[in-house]
N, C-alpha and C. Protein backbone atom coordinates (compact mmCIF):
# COMPACT_ATOMS: atom_id res chain seq x y z
N MET A 1 171.99 -57.68 -17.39
CA MET A 1 172.93 -56.85 -18.10
C MET A 1 173.34 -57.55 -19.40
N PRO A 2 173.33 -56.82 -20.54
CA PRO A 2 173.69 -57.43 -21.82
C PRO A 2 175.16 -57.86 -21.86
N ARG A 3 175.40 -58.85 -22.67
CA ARG A 3 176.74 -59.38 -22.85
C ARG A 3 177.51 -58.58 -23.89
N ARG A 4 178.79 -58.33 -23.67
CA ARG A 4 179.61 -57.61 -24.63
C ARG A 4 180.26 -58.63 -25.57
N ASN A 5 179.96 -58.56 -26.87
CA ASN A 5 180.50 -59.49 -27.84
C ASN A 5 181.67 -58.93 -28.63
N ARG A 6 182.01 -57.69 -28.40
CA ARG A 6 183.12 -57.09 -29.13
C ARG A 6 184.45 -57.59 -28.59
N PRO A 7 185.43 -57.83 -29.50
CA PRO A 7 186.74 -58.25 -29.01
C PRO A 7 187.41 -57.12 -28.24
N GLN A 8 188.16 -57.48 -27.23
CA GLN A 8 188.88 -56.48 -26.45
C GLN A 8 190.18 -56.12 -27.16
N ARG A 9 190.40 -54.85 -27.36
CA ARG A 9 191.61 -54.38 -28.04
C ARG A 9 192.80 -54.44 -27.11
N GLY A 10 193.96 -54.71 -27.69
CA GLY A 10 195.18 -54.72 -26.92
C GLY A 10 195.35 -55.97 -26.07
N LYS A 11 194.53 -56.96 -26.30
CA LYS A 11 194.63 -58.20 -25.53
C LYS A 11 195.83 -58.99 -26.02
N ALA A 12 196.66 -59.44 -25.11
CA ALA A 12 197.87 -60.17 -25.46
C ALA A 12 197.54 -61.57 -25.97
N ALA A 13 198.47 -62.14 -26.73
CA ALA A 13 198.31 -63.51 -27.22
C ALA A 13 198.34 -64.46 -26.03
N PRO A 14 197.67 -65.59 -26.15
CA PRO A 14 197.68 -66.54 -25.04
C PRO A 14 199.08 -67.10 -24.81
N PRO A 15 199.38 -67.48 -23.59
CA PRO A 15 200.69 -68.05 -23.31
C PRO A 15 200.87 -69.38 -24.04
N PRO A 16 202.11 -69.80 -24.28
CA PRO A 16 202.37 -71.06 -24.99
C PRO A 16 201.68 -72.25 -24.34
N GLY A 17 201.15 -73.12 -25.18
CA GLY A 17 200.50 -74.33 -24.69
C GLY A 17 199.05 -74.15 -24.29
N VAL A 18 198.53 -72.92 -24.37
CA VAL A 18 197.15 -72.66 -23.97
C VAL A 18 196.22 -72.96 -25.14
N SER A 19 195.13 -73.65 -24.87
CA SER A 19 194.16 -73.99 -25.90
C SER A 19 193.37 -72.75 -26.30
N LEU A 20 193.12 -72.62 -27.59
CA LEU A 20 192.32 -71.51 -28.10
C LEU A 20 190.91 -71.98 -28.44
N GLY A 21 190.57 -73.20 -28.11
CA GLY A 21 189.27 -73.76 -28.46
C GLY A 21 189.35 -74.51 -29.77
N TRP A 22 189.85 -73.91 -30.82
CA TRP A 22 189.99 -74.52 -32.13
C TRP A 22 191.44 -74.86 -32.43
N GLY A 23 192.34 -74.52 -31.54
CA GLY A 23 193.76 -74.80 -31.74
C GLY A 23 194.52 -74.47 -30.48
N SER A 24 195.83 -74.54 -30.54
CA SER A 24 196.64 -74.19 -29.38
C SER A 24 197.82 -73.33 -29.82
N HIS A 25 198.36 -72.60 -28.88
CA HIS A 25 199.50 -71.73 -29.12
C HIS A 25 200.74 -72.47 -28.64
N GLU A 26 201.72 -72.66 -29.54
CA GLU A 26 202.96 -73.34 -29.18
C GLU A 26 204.14 -72.42 -29.45
N SER A 27 205.07 -72.42 -28.53
CA SER A 27 206.28 -71.64 -28.68
C SER A 27 207.47 -72.60 -28.74
N ALA A 28 208.34 -72.41 -29.72
CA ALA A 28 209.50 -73.28 -29.89
C ALA A 28 210.66 -72.44 -30.41
N GLN A 29 211.80 -73.08 -30.62
CA GLN A 29 212.98 -72.34 -31.09
C GLN A 29 212.79 -71.74 -32.48
N ASP A 30 211.82 -72.25 -33.25
CA ASP A 30 211.55 -71.70 -34.57
C ASP A 30 210.42 -70.68 -34.57
N GLY A 31 209.98 -70.25 -33.40
CA GLY A 31 208.98 -69.20 -33.31
C GLY A 31 207.73 -69.64 -32.59
N ASP A 32 206.73 -68.77 -32.63
CA ASP A 32 205.42 -69.03 -32.03
C ASP A 32 204.46 -69.48 -33.13
N TRP A 33 203.69 -70.51 -32.81
CA TRP A 33 202.81 -71.12 -33.81
C TRP A 33 201.42 -71.34 -33.24
N ILE A 34 200.44 -71.27 -34.11
CA ILE A 34 199.10 -71.75 -33.81
C ILE A 34 199.02 -73.13 -34.45
N VAL A 35 198.60 -74.11 -33.66
CA VAL A 35 198.55 -75.49 -34.13
C VAL A 35 197.13 -76.01 -33.92
N ARG A 36 196.55 -76.51 -34.98
CA ARG A 36 195.18 -77.03 -34.92
C ARG A 36 195.18 -78.48 -35.36
N SER A 37 194.62 -79.35 -34.55
CA SER A 37 194.48 -80.76 -34.91
C SER A 37 193.30 -80.94 -35.85
N VAL A 38 193.51 -81.78 -36.87
CA VAL A 38 192.44 -82.10 -37.81
C VAL A 38 192.15 -83.59 -37.67
N PRO A 39 190.97 -83.95 -37.16
CA PRO A 39 190.64 -85.37 -37.05
C PRO A 39 190.45 -86.00 -38.43
N GLY A 40 190.65 -87.28 -38.52
CA GLY A 40 190.56 -87.98 -39.80
C GLY A 40 189.26 -87.76 -40.54
N GLU A 41 188.14 -87.73 -39.81
CA GLU A 41 186.85 -87.57 -40.49
C GLU A 41 186.67 -86.18 -41.09
N ASN A 42 187.47 -85.20 -40.65
CA ASN A 42 187.40 -83.85 -41.22
C ASN A 42 188.45 -83.60 -42.29
N ALA A 43 189.35 -84.54 -42.50
CA ALA A 43 190.40 -84.39 -43.51
C ALA A 43 189.87 -84.91 -44.84
N THR A 44 189.53 -83.99 -45.73
CA THR A 44 188.87 -84.37 -46.98
C THR A 44 189.72 -84.13 -48.23
N LYS A 45 190.89 -83.52 -48.07
CA LYS A 45 191.74 -83.22 -49.22
C LYS A 45 193.12 -83.84 -49.01
N THR A 46 193.89 -83.92 -50.09
CA THR A 46 195.26 -84.42 -50.02
C THR A 46 196.20 -83.24 -49.87
N TYR A 47 197.13 -83.35 -48.92
CA TYR A 47 198.15 -82.32 -48.69
C TYR A 47 199.51 -82.98 -48.72
N ARG A 48 200.57 -82.19 -48.83
CA ARG A 48 201.93 -82.71 -48.77
C ARG A 48 202.58 -82.18 -47.51
N CYS A 49 203.06 -83.10 -46.67
CA CYS A 49 203.71 -82.74 -45.41
C CYS A 49 205.09 -82.15 -45.69
N PRO A 50 205.38 -80.95 -45.18
CA PRO A 50 206.71 -80.36 -45.41
C PRO A 50 207.81 -81.05 -44.61
N GLY A 51 207.46 -81.87 -43.65
CA GLY A 51 208.46 -82.56 -42.84
C GLY A 51 209.04 -83.79 -43.51
N CYS A 52 208.18 -84.58 -44.16
CA CYS A 52 208.64 -85.84 -44.78
C CYS A 52 208.43 -85.85 -46.29
N ASP A 53 207.74 -84.86 -46.82
CA ASP A 53 207.44 -84.75 -48.25
C ASP A 53 206.54 -85.86 -48.75
N HIS A 54 205.81 -86.53 -47.86
CA HIS A 54 204.83 -87.53 -48.26
C HIS A 54 203.44 -86.92 -48.22
N GLU A 55 202.52 -87.56 -48.92
CA GLU A 55 201.15 -87.07 -48.94
C GLU A 55 200.44 -87.35 -47.61
N ILE A 56 199.56 -86.43 -47.26
CA ILE A 56 198.60 -86.65 -46.17
C ILE A 56 197.28 -86.90 -46.89
N ARG A 57 196.86 -88.13 -46.92
CA ARG A 57 195.68 -88.53 -47.67
C ARG A 57 194.39 -88.18 -46.93
N PRO A 58 193.28 -88.05 -47.66
CA PRO A 58 191.99 -87.81 -47.00
C PRO A 58 191.72 -88.91 -45.96
N GLY A 59 191.20 -88.51 -44.82
CA GLY A 59 190.91 -89.44 -43.74
C GLY A 59 192.05 -89.62 -42.76
N THR A 60 193.20 -88.99 -43.02
CA THR A 60 194.36 -89.11 -42.14
C THR A 60 194.38 -87.97 -41.15
N PRO A 61 194.38 -88.26 -39.84
CA PRO A 61 194.49 -87.17 -38.87
C PRO A 61 195.84 -86.47 -39.00
N HIS A 62 195.85 -85.16 -38.84
CA HIS A 62 197.09 -84.39 -38.97
C HIS A 62 196.93 -83.05 -38.25
N VAL A 63 197.92 -82.17 -38.36
CA VAL A 63 197.83 -80.84 -37.77
C VAL A 63 198.03 -79.79 -38.85
N VAL A 64 197.42 -78.64 -38.63
CA VAL A 64 197.61 -77.47 -39.48
C VAL A 64 198.30 -76.43 -38.62
N THR A 65 199.36 -75.82 -39.14
CA THR A 65 200.12 -74.83 -38.37
C THR A 65 200.26 -73.55 -39.17
N TRP A 66 200.38 -72.44 -38.45
CA TRP A 66 200.67 -71.15 -39.06
C TRP A 66 201.30 -70.24 -38.02
N PRO A 67 202.06 -69.23 -38.44
CA PRO A 67 202.71 -68.34 -37.48
C PRO A 67 201.69 -67.65 -36.59
N ALA A 68 202.05 -67.47 -35.32
CA ALA A 68 201.14 -66.87 -34.35
C ALA A 68 201.25 -65.36 -34.30
N ASP A 69 202.08 -64.77 -35.14
CA ASP A 69 202.29 -63.32 -35.06
C ASP A 69 201.21 -62.51 -35.77
N HIS A 70 200.17 -63.16 -36.26
CA HIS A 70 199.02 -62.49 -36.89
C HIS A 70 199.38 -61.77 -38.18
N THR A 71 200.57 -61.99 -38.72
CA THR A 71 200.92 -61.36 -39.99
C THR A 71 200.70 -62.32 -41.15
N GLY A 72 200.54 -63.59 -40.84
CA GLY A 72 200.38 -64.60 -41.89
C GLY A 72 198.94 -64.72 -42.34
N GLY A 73 198.79 -65.24 -43.53
CA GLY A 73 197.46 -65.47 -44.08
C GLY A 73 197.26 -66.93 -44.37
N VAL A 74 196.26 -67.21 -45.18
CA VAL A 74 195.94 -68.59 -45.55
C VAL A 74 197.14 -69.25 -46.24
N SER A 75 197.90 -68.50 -47.00
CA SER A 75 199.04 -69.08 -47.71
C SER A 75 200.17 -69.51 -46.78
N ASP A 76 200.14 -69.08 -45.51
CA ASP A 76 201.17 -69.46 -44.54
C ASP A 76 200.83 -70.73 -43.77
N ARG A 77 199.63 -71.28 -43.98
CA ARG A 77 199.25 -72.50 -43.27
C ARG A 77 199.94 -73.70 -43.91
N ARG A 78 200.35 -74.64 -43.05
CA ARG A 78 200.98 -75.87 -43.52
C ARG A 78 200.32 -77.05 -42.83
N HIS A 79 200.10 -78.12 -43.58
CA HIS A 79 199.52 -79.35 -43.05
C HIS A 79 200.67 -80.33 -42.82
N TRP A 80 200.79 -80.83 -41.59
CA TRP A 80 201.87 -81.74 -41.19
C TRP A 80 201.29 -83.01 -40.60
N HIS A 81 202.00 -84.13 -40.77
CA HIS A 81 201.73 -85.30 -39.94
C HIS A 81 202.09 -84.89 -38.51
N ARG A 82 201.36 -85.35 -37.53
CA ARG A 82 201.65 -84.97 -36.14
C ARG A 82 203.08 -85.36 -35.76
N ALA A 83 203.53 -86.55 -36.13
CA ALA A 83 204.89 -86.99 -35.78
C ALA A 83 205.95 -86.12 -36.46
N CYS A 84 205.69 -85.70 -37.69
CA CYS A 84 206.65 -84.83 -38.40
C CYS A 84 206.73 -83.46 -37.73
N TRP A 85 205.57 -82.92 -37.33
CA TRP A 85 205.55 -81.63 -36.64
C TRP A 85 206.33 -81.71 -35.33
N ASP A 86 206.10 -82.78 -34.58
CA ASP A 86 206.79 -82.93 -33.29
C ASP A 86 208.28 -83.15 -33.46
N ALA A 87 208.72 -83.70 -34.60
CA ALA A 87 210.13 -84.01 -34.84
C ALA A 87 210.84 -82.96 -35.69
N ARG A 88 210.20 -81.85 -35.98
CA ARG A 88 210.78 -80.88 -36.91
C ARG A 88 212.11 -80.30 -36.45
N HIS A 89 212.40 -80.31 -35.16
CA HIS A 89 213.66 -79.78 -34.65
C HIS A 89 214.79 -80.79 -34.76
N ARG A 90 214.44 -82.05 -34.86
CA ARG A 90 215.46 -83.09 -34.97
C ARG A 90 215.89 -83.35 -36.40
N ARG A 91 215.08 -82.88 -37.33
CA ARG A 91 215.44 -83.03 -38.75
C ARG A 91 214.89 -81.83 -39.50
N GLY A 92 215.57 -81.45 -40.55
CA GLY A 92 215.13 -80.32 -41.33
C GLY A 92 214.04 -80.72 -42.30
N PRO A 93 213.39 -79.75 -42.90
CA PRO A 93 212.37 -80.08 -43.90
C PRO A 93 213.02 -80.74 -45.11
N SER A 94 212.29 -81.64 -45.73
CA SER A 94 212.84 -82.36 -46.89
C SER A 94 212.71 -81.55 -48.16
N ARG A 95 211.96 -80.47 -48.10
CA ARG A 95 211.86 -79.58 -49.28
C ARG A 95 211.55 -78.18 -48.78
N ARG A 96 211.73 -77.23 -49.66
CA ARG A 96 211.46 -75.83 -49.30
C ARG A 96 209.96 -75.64 -49.14
N PHE A 97 209.56 -74.91 -48.07
CA PHE A 97 208.13 -74.60 -47.88
C PHE A 97 207.96 -73.19 -47.45
């Protein structure tokens, strides 16, 4: 029997903490997020972390986050140091993002 490759319509988002293969779904007091880890060898550009306002240099492992509500686009993605992402509830962002 042939395999069905079409996405199933009306399928709910994965529960919080479930791996999506390329990222994971996280739910927190600031909303639902898709979080993807970027290993150092795949980090080829310089980004600015919204948590500490320091640069994330090429070769530095970090995470990319975006809202999980499927309304965001590429412009809604943010690159964070993993520690800054994990501590975002204990301190506010150092600049507007």
